């Protein structure tokens, strides 16, 4: 009976250790990055849809600068892609990317479907930034997600020189 109690106690400690590890060591790691810069005039139909959505206040994204959008030739799309790896034991839920804008940025939006990353899985997430002109692509990107219902955040600075 004493041996069974010791075995059960060791099992309980091992389980508690695994849960503790899952709680305190789970995070998303940015393992790759990229940005694609496209003139808005190359995607004029998409630009017109964005312009209409901003005017109707129905954009599924974040408007950074208010006011009417001009012609597509004055703007550029920056499409940021991050490859994220879940090193933990818990599924990362509701993963999304947000951008800290600079003065020339107009709006940004990401995926509209819920993104989850299973333990050990690697997945690409993206965010599209509409900016006036073609400024430098260096931005702070914030990856937000939930682990067991608790919000988490990873800050990543995109730098095209690195």
N, C-alpha and C. Protein backbone atom coordinates (compact mmCIF):
# COMPACT_ATOMS: atom_id res chain seq x y z
N UNK A 1 0.82 -1.19 0.00
CA UNK A 1 0.00 0.00 0.00
C UNK A 1 0.88 1.26 0.00
N UNK A 2 1.98 1.20 0.75
CA UNK A 2 2.87 2.34 0.83
C UNK A 2 3.54 2.60 -0.53
N UNK A 3 3.89 1.54 -1.26
CA UNK A 3 4.49 1.68 -2.58
C UNK A 3 3.51 2.31 -3.56
N UNK A 4 2.25 1.92 -3.48
CA UNK A 4 1.22 2.49 -4.36
C UNK A 4 1.06 3.98 -4.08
N UNK A 5 1.08 4.38 -2.82
CA UNK A 5 0.95 5.79 -2.45
C UNK A 5 2.13 6.60 -2.98
N UNK A 6 3.33 6.03 -2.88
CA UNK A 6 4.52 6.72 -3.38
C UNK A 6 4.46 6.86 -4.90
N UNK A 7 4.03 5.81 -5.60
CA UNK A 7 3.89 5.86 -7.06
C UNK A 7 2.86 6.91 -7.47
N UNK A 8 1.73 6.94 -6.77
CA UNK A 8 0.70 7.93 -7.09
C UNK A 8 1.20 9.35 -6.81
N UNK A 9 1.96 9.52 -5.75
CA UNK A 9 2.50 10.85 -5.43
C UNK A 9 3.49 11.28 -6.51
N UNK A 10 4.33 10.38 -7.01
CA UNK A 10 5.27 10.70 -8.07
C UNK A 10 4.54 11.04 -9.37
N UNK A 11 3.49 10.29 -9.66
CA UNK A 11 2.68 10.59 -10.84
C UNK A 11 2.03 11.96 -10.73
N UNK A 12 1.53 12.29 -9.56
CA UNK A 12 0.91 13.60 -9.34
C UNK A 12 1.94 14.72 -9.51
N UNK A 13 3.13 14.53 -8.99
CA UNK A 13 4.18 15.53 -9.14
C UNK A 13 4.60 15.69 -10.60
N UNK A 14 4.69 14.59 -11.33
CA UNK A 14 5.04 14.66 -12.75
C UNK A 14 3.96 15.39 -13.54
N UNK A 15 2.70 15.10 -13.24
CA UNK A 15 1.59 15.78 -13.91
C UNK A 15 1.59 17.27 -13.57
N UNK A 16 1.79 17.61 -12.31
CA UNK A 16 1.83 19.02 -11.90
C UNK A 16 3.00 19.74 -12.57
N UNK A 17 4.13 19.06 -12.70
CA UNK A 17 5.28 19.65 -13.39
C UNK A 17 4.99 19.91 -14.87
N UNK A 18 4.31 18.97 -15.53
CA UNK A 18 3.96 19.15 -16.94
C UNK A 18 2.98 20.31 -17.12
N UNK A 19 2.00 20.40 -16.23
CA UNK A 19 1.03 21.51 -16.29
C UNK A 19 1.74 22.84 -16.02
N UNK A 20 2.62 22.86 -15.04
CA UNK A 20 3.38 24.07 -14.74
C UNK A 20 4.26 24.50 -15.92
N UNK A 21 4.91 23.53 -16.54
CA UNK A 21 5.71 23.83 -17.72
C UNK A 21 4.83 24.39 -18.83
N UNK A 22 3.68 23.77 -19.03
CA UNK A 22 2.75 24.24 -20.05
C UNK A 22 2.26 25.65 -19.80
N UNK A 23 2.09 26.00 -18.56
CA UNK A 23 1.62 27.34 -18.21
C UNK A 23 2.71 28.40 -18.37
N UNK A 24 3.91 28.11 -17.93
CA UNK A 24 4.94 29.13 -17.84
C UNK A 24 5.97 29.13 -18.96
N UNK A 25 5.99 28.11 -19.80
CA UNK A 25 6.99 28.05 -20.86
C UNK A 25 6.39 28.00 -22.26
N UNK A 26 5.12 28.25 -22.36
CA UNK A 26 4.48 28.23 -23.67
C UNK A 26 4.55 29.63 -24.26
N UNK A 27 5.07 29.72 -25.47
CA UNK A 27 5.09 30.99 -26.18
C UNK A 27 5.19 30.72 -27.68
N UNK A 28 4.92 31.76 -28.44
CA UNK A 28 5.10 31.67 -29.88
C UNK A 28 6.44 32.31 -30.22
N UNK A 29 7.15 31.67 -31.11
CA UNK A 29 8.45 32.16 -31.53
C UNK A 29 8.36 32.55 -33.01
N UNK A 30 8.85 33.74 -33.35
CA UNK A 30 8.92 34.17 -34.74
C UNK A 30 10.17 33.55 -35.35
N UNK A 31 9.98 32.67 -36.34
CA UNK A 31 11.12 31.97 -36.92
C UNK A 31 11.44 32.44 -38.33
N UNK A 32 10.58 33.21 -38.95
CA UNK A 32 10.86 33.75 -40.28
C UNK A 32 9.98 34.97 -40.51
N UNK A 33 10.42 35.80 -41.40
CA UNK A 33 9.68 37.02 -41.69
C UNK A 33 9.86 37.39 -43.13
N UNK A 34 8.96 38.23 -43.60
CA UNK A 34 9.09 38.73 -44.95
C UNK A 34 8.10 39.85 -45.18
N UNK A 35 8.39 40.70 -46.14
CA UNK A 35 7.47 41.76 -46.52
C UNK A 35 7.47 41.85 -48.04
N UNK A 36 6.30 42.08 -48.56
CA UNK A 36 6.13 42.25 -50.00
C UNK A 36 5.53 43.64 -50.19
N UNK A 37 6.14 44.47 -51.02
CA UNK A 37 5.68 45.83 -51.26
C UNK A 37 5.08 45.88 -52.66
N UNK A 38 3.80 46.28 -52.73
CA UNK A 38 3.07 46.31 -54.00
C UNK A 38 2.42 47.69 -54.15
N UNK A 39 2.62 48.36 -55.27
CA UNK A 39 1.90 49.61 -55.48
C UNK A 39 0.39 49.36 -55.51
N UNK A 40 -0.38 50.23 -54.90
CA UNK A 40 -1.83 50.04 -54.84
C UNK A 40 -2.44 50.11 -56.24
N UNK A 41 -1.79 50.78 -57.16
CA UNK A 41 -2.31 50.85 -58.53
C UNK A 41 -2.28 49.48 -59.20
N UNK A 42 -1.40 48.58 -58.73
CA UNK A 42 -1.37 47.21 -59.27
C UNK A 42 -2.56 46.39 -58.79
N UNK A 43 -3.19 46.82 -57.73
CA UNK A 43 -4.37 46.14 -57.18
C UNK A 43 -5.50 47.17 -57.03
N UNK A 44 -5.83 47.80 -58.14
CA UNK A 44 -6.80 48.90 -58.13
C UNK A 44 -8.18 48.44 -57.65
N UNK A 45 -8.62 47.25 -58.02
CA UNK A 45 -9.95 46.77 -57.60
C UNK A 45 -9.99 46.58 -56.08
N UNK A 46 -8.94 46.00 -55.53
CA UNK A 46 -8.87 45.82 -54.07
C UNK A 46 -8.83 47.18 -53.37
N UNK A 47 -8.09 48.13 -53.94
CA UNK A 47 -8.01 49.47 -53.36
C UNK A 47 -9.39 50.14 -53.36
N UNK A 48 -10.12 49.99 -54.45
CA UNK A 48 -11.47 50.58 -54.52
C UNK A 48 -12.39 49.96 -53.48
N UNK A 49 -12.26 48.64 -53.24
CA UNK A 49 -13.06 47.99 -52.19
C UNK A 49 -12.70 48.53 -50.81
N UNK A 50 -11.41 48.71 -50.55
CA UNK A 50 -10.97 49.28 -49.28
C UNK A 50 -11.49 50.71 -49.11
N UNK A 51 -11.41 51.48 -50.17
CA UNK A 51 -11.88 52.86 -50.15
C UNK A 51 -13.36 52.92 -49.81
N UNK A 52 -14.13 52.03 -50.41
CA UNK A 52 -15.57 51.96 -50.15
C UNK A 52 -15.84 51.51 -48.71
N UNK A 53 -15.09 50.51 -48.23
CA UNK A 53 -15.28 50.02 -46.86
C UNK A 53 -14.94 51.10 -45.84
N UNK A 54 -13.91 51.89 -46.09
CA UNK A 54 -13.55 52.97 -45.17
C UNK A 54 -14.64 54.03 -45.16
N UNK A 55 -15.15 54.36 -46.33
CA UNK A 55 -16.21 55.37 -46.42
C UNK A 55 -17.46 54.90 -45.68
N UNK A 56 -17.81 53.61 -45.80
CA UNK A 56 -19.01 53.06 -45.16
C UNK A 56 -18.75 52.65 -43.71
N UNK A 57 -17.51 52.78 -43.24
CA UNK A 57 -17.10 52.36 -41.91
C UNK A 57 -17.39 50.88 -41.66
N UNK A 58 -17.08 50.07 -42.66
CA UNK A 58 -17.33 48.64 -42.57
C UNK A 58 -16.06 47.81 -42.78
N UNK A 59 -14.91 48.43 -42.62
CA UNK A 59 -13.64 47.73 -42.82
C UNK A 59 -13.40 46.73 -41.69
N UNK A 60 -13.05 45.50 -42.06
CA UNK A 60 -12.66 44.49 -41.07
C UNK A 60 -11.16 44.64 -40.84
N UNK A 61 -10.80 45.69 -40.15
CA UNK A 61 -9.41 46.00 -39.89
C UNK A 61 -9.36 47.25 -39.04
N UNK A 62 -8.22 47.93 -39.05
CA UNK A 62 -8.02 49.12 -38.24
C UNK A 62 -7.66 50.29 -39.13
N UNK A 63 -8.47 51.34 -39.04
CA UNK A 63 -8.18 52.58 -39.76
C UNK A 63 -7.30 53.43 -38.85
N UNK A 64 -6.14 53.80 -39.33
CA UNK A 64 -5.17 54.55 -38.54
C UNK A 64 -5.35 56.05 -38.74
N UNK A 65 -5.63 56.44 -39.97
CA UNK A 65 -5.76 57.85 -40.30
C UNK A 65 -7.10 58.07 -40.96
N UNK A 66 -7.88 58.98 -40.42
CA UNK A 66 -9.21 59.24 -40.96
C UNK A 66 -9.11 60.14 -42.18
N UNK A 67 -10.18 60.20 -42.90
CA UNK A 67 -10.23 61.03 -44.10
C UNK A 67 -10.45 60.18 -45.33
N UNK A 68 -10.77 60.85 -46.40
CA UNK A 68 -11.04 60.18 -47.67
C UNK A 68 -9.73 59.72 -48.31
N UNK A 69 -9.73 58.52 -48.85
CA UNK A 69 -8.56 58.03 -49.57
C UNK A 69 -8.50 58.67 -50.95
N UNK A 70 -7.30 58.94 -51.43
CA UNK A 70 -7.11 59.54 -52.74
C UNK A 70 -7.12 58.50 -53.84
N UNK A 71 -6.27 58.71 -54.83
CA UNK A 71 -6.18 57.77 -55.95
C UNK A 71 -5.18 56.67 -55.61
N UNK A 72 -5.35 55.53 -56.23
CA UNK A 72 -4.54 54.35 -55.88
C UNK A 72 -3.06 54.55 -56.15
N UNK A 73 -2.69 55.42 -57.08
CA UNK A 73 -1.29 55.64 -57.40
C UNK A 73 -0.49 56.28 -56.28
N UNK A 74 -1.18 56.83 -55.29
CA UNK A 74 -0.51 57.50 -54.17
C UNK A 74 -0.22 56.56 -53.00
N UNK A 75 -0.59 55.30 -53.11
CA UNK A 75 -0.52 54.39 -51.96
C UNK A 75 0.24 53.12 -52.32
N UNK A 76 0.68 52.42 -51.27
CA UNK A 76 1.36 51.13 -51.43
C UNK A 76 0.83 50.14 -50.40
N UNK A 77 0.84 48.87 -50.78
CA UNK A 77 0.51 47.79 -49.86
C UNK A 77 1.82 47.19 -49.34
N UNK A 78 1.92 47.04 -48.04
CA UNK A 78 3.01 46.29 -47.42
C UNK A 78 2.37 45.04 -46.83
N UNK A 79 2.74 43.89 -47.33
CA UNK A 79 2.19 42.63 -46.84
C UNK A 79 3.26 41.94 -45.99
N UNK A 80 3.04 41.96 -44.68
CA UNK A 80 3.99 41.36 -43.74
C UNK A 80 3.56 39.93 -43.47
N UNK A 81 4.52 39.01 -43.54
CA UNK A 81 4.27 37.61 -43.23
C UNK A 81 5.25 37.18 -42.15
N UNK A 82 4.70 36.58 -41.10
CA UNK A 82 5.52 36.04 -40.01
C UNK A 82 5.27 34.54 -39.91
N UNK A 83 6.32 33.78 -39.79
CA UNK A 83 6.21 32.35 -39.54
C UNK A 83 6.37 32.15 -38.04
N UNK A 84 5.33 31.61 -37.42
CA UNK A 84 5.30 31.44 -35.98
C UNK A 84 5.37 29.97 -35.62
N UNK A 85 6.14 29.67 -34.58
CA UNK A 85 6.25 28.30 -34.09
C UNK A 85 5.79 28.26 -32.64
N UNK A 86 4.90 27.32 -32.35
CA UNK A 86 4.40 27.13 -30.99
C UNK A 86 5.27 26.07 -30.32
N UNK A 87 6.14 26.52 -29.42
CA UNK A 87 7.06 25.61 -28.74
C UNK A 87 6.46 24.97 -27.50
N UNK A 88 5.28 25.37 -27.12
CA UNK A 88 4.71 24.90 -25.87
C UNK A 88 3.85 23.67 -26.00
N UNK A 89 3.14 23.39 -24.93
CA UNK A 89 2.28 22.22 -24.84
C UNK A 89 0.81 22.56 -24.98
N UNK A 90 0.49 23.85 -25.18
CA UNK A 90 -0.88 24.32 -25.22
C UNK A 90 -1.14 24.99 -26.56
N UNK A 91 -2.33 24.78 -27.11
CA UNK A 91 -2.71 25.39 -28.37
C UNK A 91 -2.83 26.91 -28.23
N UNK A 92 -2.23 27.66 -29.15
CA UNK A 92 -2.37 29.12 -29.19
C UNK A 92 -3.60 29.43 -30.04
N UNK A 93 -4.54 30.16 -29.45
CA UNK A 93 -5.80 30.44 -30.12
C UNK A 93 -5.93 31.91 -30.45
N UNK A 94 -6.75 32.22 -31.45
CA UNK A 94 -7.06 33.59 -31.87
C UNK A 94 -5.79 34.39 -32.14
N UNK A 95 -4.89 33.83 -32.92
CA UNK A 95 -3.62 34.48 -33.23
C UNK A 95 -3.87 35.57 -34.28
N UNK A 96 -3.35 36.77 -34.03
CA UNK A 96 -3.46 37.84 -35.01
C UNK A 96 -2.25 38.76 -34.93
N UNK A 97 -2.00 39.47 -36.02
CA UNK A 97 -0.88 40.40 -36.11
C UNK A 97 -1.44 41.81 -36.19
N UNK A 98 -0.86 42.71 -35.40
CA UNK A 98 -1.21 44.12 -35.45
C UNK A 98 0.07 44.91 -35.67
N UNK A 99 -0.08 46.10 -36.24
CA UNK A 99 1.08 46.92 -36.60
C UNK A 99 1.04 48.23 -35.82
N UNK A 100 2.20 48.64 -35.32
CA UNK A 100 2.33 49.97 -34.74
C UNK A 100 2.62 50.92 -35.89
N UNK A 101 1.67 51.79 -36.25
CA UNK A 101 1.81 52.59 -37.47
C UNK A 101 2.74 53.79 -37.30
N UNK A 102 3.17 54.31 -38.45
CA UNK A 102 3.90 55.58 -38.49
C UNK A 102 2.98 56.59 -39.18
N UNK A 103 3.44 57.83 -39.34
CA UNK A 103 2.58 58.92 -39.80
C UNK A 103 1.96 58.68 -41.18
N UNK A 104 2.65 58.01 -42.07
CA UNK A 104 2.12 57.83 -43.43
C UNK A 104 1.17 56.64 -43.57
N UNK A 105 1.02 55.83 -42.54
CA UNK A 105 0.16 54.65 -42.62
C UNK A 105 -1.32 55.04 -42.56
N UNK A 106 -2.14 54.32 -43.33
CA UNK A 106 -3.56 54.64 -43.44
C UNK A 106 -4.42 53.61 -42.72
N UNK A 107 -4.19 52.33 -42.99
CA UNK A 107 -5.00 51.27 -42.38
C UNK A 107 -4.24 49.95 -42.46
N UNK A 108 -4.69 48.98 -41.67
CA UNK A 108 -4.16 47.63 -41.78
C UNK A 108 -5.24 46.63 -41.46
N UNK A 109 -5.08 45.43 -42.02
CA UNK A 109 -6.02 44.34 -41.77
C UNK A 109 -5.30 43.02 -41.90
N UNK A 110 -5.88 42.01 -41.27
CA UNK A 110 -5.28 40.67 -41.30
C UNK A 110 -6.30 39.63 -41.71
N UNK A 111 -6.03 38.41 -41.34
CA UNK A 111 -6.91 37.31 -41.67
C UNK A 111 -8.24 37.46 -40.93
N UNK A 112 -9.33 37.10 -41.58
CA UNK A 112 -10.65 37.22 -40.96
C UNK A 112 -11.09 35.93 -40.28
N UNK A 113 -10.45 34.82 -40.59
CA UNK A 113 -10.78 33.55 -39.94
C UNK A 113 -9.91 33.38 -38.69
N UNK A 114 -10.43 32.65 -37.72
CA UNK A 114 -9.67 32.41 -36.50
C UNK A 114 -8.46 31.53 -36.79
N UNK A 115 -7.31 31.96 -36.31
CA UNK A 115 -6.07 31.23 -36.52
C UNK A 115 -5.67 30.57 -35.19
N UNK A 116 -5.43 29.27 -35.23
CA UNK A 116 -4.93 28.55 -34.06
C UNK A 116 -3.65 27.82 -34.47
N UNK A 117 -2.74 27.72 -33.51
CA UNK A 117 -1.47 27.02 -33.76
C UNK A 117 -1.32 25.94 -32.70
N UNK A 118 -1.35 24.71 -33.13
CA UNK A 118 -1.26 23.56 -32.22
C UNK A 118 0.15 23.46 -31.64
N UNK A 119 0.30 22.76 -30.52
CA UNK A 119 1.63 22.57 -29.93
C UNK A 119 2.59 21.93 -30.94
N UNK A 120 3.77 22.51 -31.08
CA UNK A 120 4.78 22.00 -32.01
C UNK A 120 4.57 22.40 -33.45
N UNK A 121 3.46 23.06 -33.76
CA UNK A 121 3.13 23.42 -35.14
C UNK A 121 3.76 24.76 -35.52
N UNK A 122 4.04 24.90 -36.80
CA UNK A 122 4.52 26.17 -37.37
C UNK A 122 3.50 26.63 -38.39
N UNK A 123 3.16 27.92 -38.33
CA UNK A 123 2.14 28.46 -39.23
C UNK A 123 2.51 29.88 -39.63
N UNK A 124 2.15 30.25 -40.85
CA UNK A 124 2.36 31.61 -41.34
C UNK A 124 1.13 32.46 -41.07
N UNK A 125 1.33 33.67 -40.58
CA UNK A 125 0.26 34.64 -40.41
C UNK A 125 0.68 35.91 -41.14
N UNK A 126 -0.29 36.70 -41.56
CA UNK A 126 0.01 37.88 -42.36
C UNK A 126 -0.83 39.06 -41.93
N UNK A 127 -0.37 40.23 -42.34
CA UNK A 127 -1.08 41.47 -42.09
C UNK A 127 -0.75 42.40 -43.25
N UNK A 128 -1.78 43.07 -43.78
CA UNK A 128 -1.62 43.99 -44.90
C UNK A 128 -1.72 45.41 -44.39
N UNK A 129 -0.76 46.23 -44.74
CA UNK A 129 -0.71 47.63 -44.36
C UNK A 129 -0.86 48.48 -45.61
N UNK A 130 -1.80 49.42 -45.59
CA UNK A 130 -1.92 50.38 -46.68
C UNK A 130 -1.29 51.67 -46.20
N UNK A 131 -0.31 52.15 -46.94
CA UNK A 131 0.42 53.34 -46.54
C UNK A 131 0.50 54.32 -47.71
N UNK A 132 0.62 55.58 -47.39
CA UNK A 132 0.73 56.60 -48.42
C UNK A 132 2.18 56.68 -48.87
N UNK A 133 2.39 56.66 -50.19
CA UNK A 133 3.75 56.66 -50.73
C UNK A 133 4.41 55.31 -50.54
N UNK A 134 5.73 55.31 -50.47
CA UNK A 134 6.49 54.07 -50.20
C UNK A 134 7.56 54.36 -49.15
N UNK A 135 7.14 54.54 -47.90
CA UNK A 135 8.12 54.77 -46.84
C UNK A 135 8.87 53.46 -46.54
N UNK A 136 9.80 53.53 -45.60
CA UNK A 136 10.56 52.33 -45.22
C UNK A 136 9.61 51.30 -44.60
N UNK A 137 9.91 50.01 -44.75
CA UNK A 137 9.02 48.97 -44.22
C UNK A 137 9.29 48.60 -42.76
N UNK A 138 10.17 49.29 -42.07
CA UNK A 138 10.48 48.96 -40.68
C UNK A 138 9.29 49.31 -39.80
N UNK A 139 8.74 48.30 -39.11
CA UNK A 139 7.58 48.50 -38.24
C UNK A 139 7.69 47.55 -37.05
N UNK A 140 7.03 47.94 -35.96
CA UNK A 140 6.84 47.03 -34.83
C UNK A 140 5.56 46.24 -35.08
N UNK A 141 5.68 44.92 -35.05
CA UNK A 141 4.52 44.03 -35.23
C UNK A 141 4.23 43.37 -33.90
N UNK A 142 2.97 43.34 -33.54
CA UNK A 142 2.54 42.71 -32.29
C UNK A 142 1.69 41.49 -32.62
N UNK A 143 2.15 40.33 -32.18
CA UNK A 143 1.40 39.09 -32.35
C UNK A 143 0.67 38.84 -31.04
N UNK A 144 -0.65 38.85 -31.10
CA UNK A 144 -1.45 38.59 -29.90
C UNK A 144 -2.13 37.23 -30.06
N UNK A 145 -2.29 36.53 -28.94
CA UNK A 145 -2.90 35.21 -28.95
C UNK A 145 -3.36 34.86 -27.54
N UNK A 146 -4.10 33.78 -27.42
CA UNK A 146 -4.60 33.33 -26.13
C UNK A 146 -4.11 31.92 -25.83
N UNK A 147 -3.68 31.71 -24.59
CA UNK A 147 -3.32 30.39 -24.08
C UNK A 147 -4.22 30.11 -22.89
N UNK A 148 -5.02 29.09 -23.00
CA UNK A 148 -5.95 28.71 -21.94
C UNK A 148 -6.80 29.90 -21.50
N UNK A 149 -7.18 30.74 -22.46
CA UNK A 149 -8.03 31.88 -22.17
C UNK A 149 -7.32 33.11 -21.66
N UNK A 150 -6.01 33.07 -21.55
CA UNK A 150 -5.23 34.21 -21.04
C UNK A 150 -4.51 34.88 -22.21
N UNK A 151 -4.64 36.21 -22.34
CA UNK A 151 -4.00 36.90 -23.46
C UNK A 151 -2.48 36.94 -23.33
N UNK A 152 -1.82 36.80 -24.45
CA UNK A 152 -0.36 36.85 -24.54
C UNK A 152 0.01 37.76 -25.71
N UNK A 153 1.23 38.27 -25.70
CA UNK A 153 1.67 39.15 -26.78
C UNK A 153 3.16 38.98 -27.02
N UNK A 154 3.54 38.99 -28.30
CA UNK A 154 4.94 38.97 -28.68
C UNK A 154 5.18 40.19 -29.56
N UNK A 155 6.17 40.99 -29.21
CA UNK A 155 6.53 42.15 -30.04
C UNK A 155 7.69 41.73 -30.95
N UNK A 156 7.55 42.06 -32.22
CA UNK A 156 8.60 41.74 -33.19
C UNK A 156 8.83 42.99 -34.04
N UNK A 157 10.05 43.42 -34.15
CA UNK A 157 10.38 44.57 -34.98
C UNK A 157 10.86 44.07 -36.33
N UNK A 158 10.08 44.37 -37.38
CA UNK A 158 10.50 44.00 -38.71
C UNK A 158 11.55 45.00 -39.17
N UNK A 159 12.70 44.50 -39.56
CA UNK A 159 13.78 45.35 -40.04
C UNK A 159 14.31 44.69 -41.30
N UNK A 160 14.18 45.38 -42.44
CA UNK A 160 14.60 44.78 -43.71
C UNK A 160 16.10 44.65 -43.85
N UNK A 161 16.86 45.26 -42.94
CA UNK A 161 18.32 45.12 -42.98
C UNK A 161 18.78 43.82 -42.33
N UNK A 162 17.95 43.26 -41.47
CA UNK A 162 18.35 42.05 -40.75
C UNK A 162 18.09 40.80 -41.55
